[in-house]
Amino acid sequence: MWRALFLALGISAVILGAECLAVERAVLKSSRRAMGTANAGQTTGREVRPPEWAPWGLMSTGVIVILYSFTLPKRVKD
């Protein structure tokens, strides 16, 4: 079970790092509508910009965790 957990965490970190490498910024839109007549129909959003270290840091950490998951001993039944 631990092996699968660490493998999933490592793969998720690598995928998130690759996404940060491909995307410069992401705009998260809220479900609430903006108030007022001038902003009618527009949604408010929050902009997220990943720092420069995020893609490479996440991908390298993910690869290390994946390699660690392969070195965990398999369960041996007696």
Protein backbone atom coordinates (compact mmCIF):
# COMPACT_ATOMS: atom_id res chain seq x y z
CA MET A 1 0.00 0.00 0.00
CA TRP A 2 2.82 2.43 0.84
CA ARG A 3 4.48 1.71 -2.48
CA ALA A 4 1.33 2.66 -4.41
CA LEU A 5 0.84 5.79 -2.30
CA PHE A 6 4.37 7.08 -2.91
CA LEU A 7 4.17 6.20 -6.59
CA ALA A 8 0.91 8.15 -6.94
CA LEU A 9 2.34 11.16 -5.06
CA GLY A 10 5.46 11.14 -7.23
CA ILE A 11 3.51 10.93 -10.48
CA SER A 12 1.20 13.72 -9.31
CA ALA A 13 4.16 15.96 -8.48
CA VAL A 14 5.74 15.33 -11.90
CA ILE A 15 2.47 16.14 -13.70
CA LEU A 16 1.92 19.29 -11.63
CA GLY A 17 5.50 20.39 -12.35
CA ALA A 18 5.01 19.85 -16.08
CA GLU A 19 1.81 21.90 -15.95
CA CYS A 20 3.63 24.73 -14.16
CA LEU A 21 6.30 24.60 -16.87
CA ALA A 22 3.71 24.92 -19.64
CA VAL A 23 1.47 27.57 -18.03
CA GLU A 24 2.59 31.11 -17.26
CA ARG A 25 -0.47 31.99 -15.18
CA ALA A 26 -3.85 30.53 -14.28
CA VAL A 27 -7.03 32.43 -13.51
CA LEU A 28 -9.34 30.78 -11.00
CA LYS A 29 -12.90 31.94 -11.41
CA SER A 30 -15.26 32.05 -8.46
CA SER A 31 -18.88 31.01 -8.67
CA ARG A 32 -20.11 34.35 -7.30
CA ARG A 33 -21.12 36.97 -9.82
CA ALA A 34 -19.67 40.47 -9.55
CA MET A 35 -22.03 42.98 -7.98
CA GLY A 36 -23.19 46.11 -9.77
CA THR A 37 -24.49 46.99 -13.19
CA ALA A 38 -21.12 47.86 -14.73
CA ASN A 39 -19.77 44.38 -14.04
CA ALA A 40 -22.94 42.45 -14.84
CA GLY A 41 -22.17 39.07 -16.35
CA GLN A 42 -18.48 39.12 -15.41
CA THR A 43 -17.06 36.72 -12.88
CA THR A 44 -14.41 37.66 -10.38
CA GLY A 45 -11.21 35.66 -10.54
CA ARG A 46 -7.98 35.07 -8.74
CA GLU A 47 -4.74 34.91 -10.69
CA VAL A 48 -2.11 32.34 -9.76
CA ARG A 49 1.45 32.62 -11.08
CA PRO A 50 3.78 29.76 -10.16
CA PRO A 51 7.26 30.84 -9.04
CA GLU A 52 10.21 30.09 -11.31
CA TRP A 53 11.47 27.26 -9.12
CA ALA A 54 8.13 25.43 -9.02
CA PRO A 55 8.28 23.41 -12.27
CA TRP A 56 11.78 22.06 -11.82
CA GLY A 57 11.41 21.60 -8.07
CA LEU A 58 8.17 19.65 -8.38
CA MET A 59 9.40 17.49 -11.24
CA SER A 60 12.71 16.62 -9.56
CA THR A 61 11.02 15.87 -6.24
CA GLY A 62 8.44 13.74 -8.03
CA VAL A 63 11.13 11.72 -9.81
CA ILE A 64 12.97 11.13 -6.53
CA VAL A 65 9.75 9.96 -4.85
CA ILE A 66 9.00 7.64 -7.79
CA LEU A 67 12.47 6.12 -7.55
CA TYR A 68 12.01 5.76 -3.79
CA SER A 69 8.73 3.92 -4.32
CA PHE A 70 10.50 1.34 -6.49
CA THR A 71 13.10 0.70 -3.77
CA LEU A 72 10.53 -0.04 -1.06
CA PRO A 73 10.53 -3.74 -0.22
CA LYS A 74 7.63 -5.83 -1.43
CA ARG A 75 5.51 -7.58 1.15
CA VAL A 76 6.65 -11.13 1.70
CA LYS A 77 4.08 -13.65 2.84
CA ASP A 78 5.36 -16.43 5.10
